[in-house]
């Protein structure tokens, strides 16, 4: 393999994940991807579903090239999407201690 870098790999390596809340329960990943592609390169889209019912939980994540994240937040946070007002922010890492986490013994 040569020492040349593939710029597509660099964009992927610098991708950032966005939290997208208040999604309509009937929204599809394709519709969400289309909305975010207006702001830049979308790496991945995932709408979170209930494990038991398979229905949308009303939020998801969009991973974008790092340079496009600020534009997406500016353009889409607070905008109408399928009759609901989107909440878009940079995703945070999960914190320990949520449902199902082991409890500390005293």
C-alpha atoms as a PDB file:
ATOM      1  CA  UNK A   1       0.000   0.000   0.000  1.00  0.00           C
ATOM      2  CA  UNK A   2       1.318   3.446  -0.888  1.00  0.00           C
ATOM      3  CA  UNK A   3       1.823   6.286   1.576  1.00  0.00           C
ATOM      4  CA  UNK A   4      -0.969   8.322  -0.004  1.00  0.00           C
ATOM      5  CA  UNK A   5      -3.928   9.231   2.167  1.00  0.00           C
ATOM      6  CA  UNK A   6      -7.468   8.822   0.991  1.00  0.00           C
ATOM      7  CA  UNK A   7      -9.349  12.072   1.822  1.00  0.00           C
ATOM      8  CA  UNK A   8     -12.593  10.125   2.254  1.00  0.00           C
ATOM      9  CA  UNK A   9     -11.013   8.191   5.113  1.00  0.00           C
ATOM     10  CA  UNK A  10      -9.904  11.422   6.784  1.00  0.00           C
ATOM     11  CA  UNK A  11     -13.477  12.797   6.691  1.00  0.00           C
ATOM     12  CA  UNK A  12     -14.773   9.525   8.157  1.00  0.00           C
ATOM     13  CA  UNK A  13     -12.145   9.604  10.906  1.00  0.00           C
ATOM     14  CA  UNK A  14     -13.176  13.169  11.788  1.00  0.00           C
ATOM     15  CA  UNK A  15     -16.904  12.416  11.726  1.00  0.00           C
ATOM     16  CA  UNK A  16     -18.994  13.592  14.666  1.00  0.00           C
ATOM     17  CA  UNK A  17     -22.242  12.191  15.968  1.00  0.00           C
ATOM     18  CA  UNK A  18     -25.328  14.344  16.427  1.00  0.00           C
ATOM     19  CA  UNK A  19     -28.266  13.604  18.708  1.00  0.00           C
ATOM     20  CA  UNK A  20     -31.610  14.256  16.988  1.00  0.00           C
ATOM     21  CA  UNK A  21     -34.575  14.404  19.337  1.00  0.00           C
ATOM     22  CA  UNK A  22     -38.317  14.942  19.039  1.00  0.00           C
ATOM     23  CA  UNK A  23     -38.553  12.925  15.830  1.00  0.00           C
ATOM     24  CA  UNK A  24     -41.984  12.008  14.510  1.00  0.00           C
ATOM     25  CA  UNK A  25     -42.593   8.349  15.360  1.00  0.00           C
ATOM     26  CA  UNK A  26     -43.207   7.549  11.685  1.00  0.00           C
ATOM     27  CA  UNK A  27     -39.965   9.180  10.431  1.00  0.00           C
ATOM     28  CA  UNK A  28     -37.663   6.950   8.406  1.00  0.00           C
ATOM     29  CA  UNK A  29     -33.875   6.882   8.366  1.00  0.00           C
ATOM     30  CA  UNK A  30     -33.984   7.806   4.665  1.00  0.00           C
ATOM     31  CA  UNK A  31     -36.037  10.941   5.409  1.00  0.00           C
ATOM     32  CA  UNK A  32     -33.669  11.913   8.205  1.00  0.00           C
ATOM     33  CA  UNK A  33     -30.634  11.339   5.971  1.00  0.00           C
ATOM     34  CA  UNK A  34     -32.170  13.530   3.253  1.00  0.00           C
ATOM     35  CA  UNK A  35     -32.763  16.397   5.703  1.00  0.00           C
ATOM     36  CA  UNK A  36     -29.190  16.299   6.999  1.00  0.00           C
ATOM     37  CA  UNK A  37     -27.564  15.863   3.573  1.00  0.00           C
ATOM     38  CA  UNK A  38     -28.673  19.419   2.776  1.00  0.00           C
ATOM     39  CA  UNK A  39     -26.091  20.535   5.345  1.00  0.00           C
ATOM     40  CA  UNK A  40     -23.201  18.286   4.347  1.00  0.00           C
ATOM     41  CA  UNK A  41     -21.844  14.767   4.101  1.00  0.00           C
ATOM     42  CA  UNK A  42     -23.770  12.192   6.140  1.00  0.00           C
ATOM     43  CA  UNK A  43     -21.772   9.150   7.244  1.00  0.00           C
ATOM     44  CA  UNK A  44     -24.567   7.234   9.011  1.00  0.00           C
ATOM     45  CA  UNK A  45     -28.136   7.569  10.319  1.00  0.00           C
ATOM     46  CA  UNK A  46     -29.826   5.521  13.033  1.00  0.00           C
ATOM     47  CA  UNK A  47     -33.267   5.955  14.549  1.00  0.00           C
ATOM     48  CA  UNK A  48     -33.496   4.247  17.927  1.00  0.00           C
ATOM     49  CA  UNK A  49     -36.330   1.749  18.300  1.00  0.00           C
ATOM     50  CA  UNK A  50     -37.928   0.050  21.266  1.00  0.00           C
ATOM     51  CA  UNK A  51     -36.396  -3.369  21.781  1.00  0.00           C
ATOM     52  CA  UNK A  52     -39.746  -5.069  22.476  1.00  0.00           C
ATOM     53  CA  UNK A  53     -42.113  -3.376  20.020  1.00  0.00           C
ATOM     54  CA  UNK A  54     -39.718  -2.255  17.268  1.00  0.00           C
ATOM     55  CA  UNK A  55     -41.378   1.192  17.206  1.00  0.00           C
ATOM     56  CA  UNK A  56     -39.388   4.401  17.087  1.00  0.00           C
ATOM     57  CA  UNK A  57     -38.502   5.942  20.446  1.00  0.00           C
ATOM     58  CA  UNK A  58     -38.588   9.438  18.893  1.00  0.00           C
ATOM     59  CA  UNK A  59     -34.857  10.076  18.710  1.00  0.00           C
ATOM     60  CA  UNK A  60     -31.832   9.038  16.748  1.00  0.00           C
ATOM     61  CA  UNK A  61     -28.268   9.802  15.754  1.00  0.00           C
ATOM     62  CA  UNK A  62     -26.744  11.224  12.602  1.00  0.00           C
ATOM     63  CA  UNK A  63     -23.018  10.972  12.011  1.00  0.00           C
ATOM     64  CA  UNK A  64     -21.571  13.672   9.755  1.00  0.00           C
ATOM     65  CA  UNK A  65     -18.216  14.885   8.519  1.00  0.00           C
ATOM     66  CA  UNK A  66     -16.797  17.030  11.323  1.00  0.00           C
ATOM     67  CA  UNK A  67     -16.717  20.204   9.252  1.00  0.00           C
ATOM     68  CA  UNK A  68     -20.482  19.957   8.562  1.00  0.00           C
ATOM     69  CA  UNK A  69     -21.728  19.462  12.131  1.00  0.00           C
ATOM     70  CA  UNK A  70     -22.018  23.120  13.157  1.00  0.00           C
ATOM     71  CA  UNK A  71     -23.939  23.962   9.984  1.00  0.00           C
ATOM     72  CA  UNK A  72     -26.372  21.085  10.580  1.00  0.00           C
ATOM     73  CA  UNK A  73     -27.046  22.164  14.164  1.00  0.00           C
ATOM     74  CA  UNK A  74     -27.562  25.778  13.091  1.00  0.00           C
ATOM     75  CA  UNK A  75     -29.888  24.865  10.224  1.00  0.00           C
ATOM     76  CA  UNK A  76     -31.931  22.042  11.748  1.00  0.00           C
ATOM     77  CA  UNK A  77     -32.221  22.623  15.511  1.00  0.00           C
ATOM     78  CA  UNK A  78     -35.696  24.036  16.159  1.00  0.00           C
ATOM     79  CA  UNK A  79     -36.928  23.325  12.618  1.00  0.00           C
ATOM     80  CA  UNK A  80     -40.181  21.574  11.785  1.00  0.00           C
ATOM     81  CA  UNK A  81     -39.761  17.977  10.636  1.00  0.00           C
ATOM     82  CA  UNK A  82     -42.935  16.045   9.979  1.00  0.00           C
ATOM     83  CA  UNK A  83     -44.964  18.293  12.277  1.00  0.00           C
ATOM     84  CA  UNK A  84     -42.510  18.200  15.201  1.00  0.00           C
ATOM     85  CA  UNK A  85     -39.770  20.597  16.256  1.00  0.00           C
ATOM     86  CA  UNK A  86     -36.369  18.908  15.970  1.00  0.00           C
ATOM     87  CA  UNK A  87     -33.796  19.087  18.750  1.00  0.00           C
ATOM     88  CA  UNK A  88     -30.305  18.733  17.303  1.00  0.00           C
ATOM     89  CA  UNK A  89     -27.100  18.822  19.334  1.00  0.00           C
ATOM     90  CA  UNK A  90     -23.713  17.176  19.428  1.00  0.00           C
ATOM     91  CA  UNK A  91     -24.111  13.708  20.975  1.00  0.00           C
ATOM     92  CA  UNK A  92     -22.548  13.010  24.351  1.00  0.00           C
ATOM     93  CA  UNK A  93     -21.074   9.717  25.488  1.00  0.00           C
ATOM     94  CA  UNK A  94     -23.417   7.543  27.553  1.00  0.00           C
ATOM     95  CA  UNK A  95     -23.011   7.918  31.288  1.00  0.00           C
ATOM     96  CA  UNK A  96     -22.856   4.871  33.535  1.00  0.00           C
ATOM     97  CA  UNK A  97     -25.751   4.322  35.894  1.00  0.00           C
ATOM     98  CA  UNK A  98     -28.716   4.217  33.532  1.00  0.00           C
ATOM     99  CA  UNK A  99     -31.444   1.598  33.609  1.00  0.00           C
ATOM    100  CA  UNK A 100     -30.006  -1.875  33.882  1.00  0.00           C
ATOM    101  CA  UNK A 101     -26.712  -0.685  35.346  1.00  0.00           C
ATOM    102  CA  UNK A 102     -25.449  -2.625  38.374  1.00  0.00           C
ATOM    103  CA  UNK A 103     -26.191  -0.936  41.687  1.00  0.00           C
ATOM    104  CA  UNK A 104     -23.463  -0.069  44.130  1.00  0.00           C
ATOM    105  CA  UNK A 105     -23.487  -2.104  47.321  1.00  0.00           C
ATOM    106  CA  UNK A 106     -23.324  -0.259  50.595  1.00  0.00           C
END
